N, C-alpha and C. Protein backbone atom coordinates (compact mmCIF):
# COMPACT_ATOMS: atom_id res chain seq x y z
N MET A 1 0.84 -1.19 0.00
CA MET A 1 0.00 0.00 0.00
C MET A 1 0.89 1.25 0.00
N SER A 2 0.64 2.14 -0.90
CA SER A 2 1.40 3.38 -1.00
C SER A 2 0.61 4.54 -0.40
N MET A 3 1.33 5.50 0.13
CA MET A 3 0.68 6.70 0.65
C MET A 3 0.84 7.81 -0.37
N TYR A 4 -0.20 8.62 -0.49
CA TYR A 4 -0.20 9.70 -1.47
C TYR A 4 -0.51 11.04 -0.81
N VAL A 5 -0.03 12.09 -1.45
CA VAL A 5 -0.33 13.46 -1.05
C VAL A 5 -1.20 14.05 -2.14
N LEU A 6 -2.25 14.76 -1.75
CA LEU A 6 -3.10 15.43 -2.72
C LEU A 6 -2.60 16.85 -2.89
N LYS A 7 -2.09 17.15 -4.08
CA LYS A 7 -1.51 18.46 -4.35
C LYS A 7 -2.62 19.49 -4.51
N ARG A 8 -2.27 20.77 -4.46
CA ARG A 8 -3.26 21.84 -4.59
C ARG A 8 -4.00 21.82 -5.92
N ASN A 9 -3.34 21.34 -6.95
CA ASN A 9 -3.98 21.30 -8.27
C ASN A 9 -4.83 20.04 -8.47
N GLY A 10 -4.96 19.21 -7.42
CA GLY A 10 -5.79 18.02 -7.48
C GLY A 10 -5.06 16.75 -7.88
N ARG A 11 -3.79 16.87 -8.21
CA ARG A 11 -2.97 15.73 -8.63
C ARG A 11 -2.48 14.95 -7.41
N ARG A 12 -2.44 13.63 -7.53
CA ARG A 12 -1.89 12.80 -6.45
C ARG A 12 -0.42 12.53 -6.72
N GLU A 13 0.37 12.58 -5.65
CA GLU A 13 1.81 12.32 -5.76
C GLU A 13 2.21 11.43 -4.59
N SER A 14 3.11 10.49 -4.81
CA SER A 14 3.55 9.63 -3.71
C SER A 14 4.27 10.46 -2.65
N VAL A 15 4.16 10.02 -1.42
CA VAL A 15 4.70 10.77 -0.28
C VAL A 15 6.23 10.69 -0.27
N HIS A 16 6.87 11.84 -0.09
CA HIS A 16 8.32 11.92 0.08
C HIS A 16 8.56 12.58 1.44
N PHE A 17 8.83 11.75 2.46
CA PHE A 17 8.97 12.26 3.81
C PHE A 17 10.17 13.19 3.96
N ASP A 18 11.20 13.02 3.13
CA ASP A 18 12.35 13.92 3.21
C ASP A 18 11.95 15.34 2.79
N LYS A 19 11.05 15.47 1.84
CA LYS A 19 10.56 16.80 1.44
C LYS A 19 9.77 17.44 2.58
N ILE A 20 8.93 16.65 3.23
CA ILE A 20 8.11 17.16 4.34
C ILE A 20 9.00 17.60 5.49
N THR A 21 9.97 16.77 5.86
CA THR A 21 10.88 17.09 6.95
C THR A 21 11.69 18.35 6.65
N SER A 22 12.16 18.47 5.43
CA SER A 22 12.94 19.64 5.03
C SER A 22 12.10 20.91 5.12
N ARG A 23 10.87 20.85 4.64
CA ARG A 23 9.99 22.03 4.65
C ARG A 23 9.66 22.45 6.08
N VAL A 24 9.33 21.51 6.94
CA VAL A 24 9.00 21.83 8.33
C VAL A 24 10.22 22.40 9.05
N SER A 25 11.39 21.85 8.80
CA SER A 25 12.62 22.36 9.42
C SER A 25 12.88 23.81 9.02
N LYS A 26 12.68 24.13 7.74
CA LYS A 26 12.88 25.50 7.28
C LYS A 26 11.87 26.45 7.91
N LEU A 27 10.63 26.01 8.05
CA LEU A 27 9.59 26.86 8.64
C LEU A 27 9.81 27.09 10.14
N CYS A 28 10.46 26.12 10.80
CA CYS A 28 10.67 26.21 12.25
C CYS A 28 11.99 26.87 12.62
N TYR A 29 12.81 27.24 11.64
CA TYR A 29 14.12 27.82 11.92
C TYR A 29 13.96 29.08 12.77
N GLY A 30 14.69 29.13 13.87
CA GLY A 30 14.68 30.30 14.74
C GLY A 30 13.60 30.29 15.80
N LEU A 31 12.73 29.30 15.78
CA LEU A 31 11.69 29.22 16.80
C LEU A 31 12.24 28.55 18.06
N ASP A 32 11.71 28.93 19.20
CA ASP A 32 12.12 28.34 20.46
C ASP A 32 11.42 26.99 20.62
N ALA A 33 12.17 25.94 20.93
CA ALA A 33 11.62 24.59 21.04
C ALA A 33 10.72 24.41 22.26
N LYS A 34 10.77 25.34 23.20
CA LYS A 34 9.95 25.22 24.41
C LYS A 34 8.58 25.60 24.08
């Protein structure tokens, strides 16, 4: 069973957890972990 992400344009794409982790890390840069 594969996991998919539904893109904004309605297209399905297989999940790439490295992309998700990278994006979240960039968004959290400089935030206090507490």
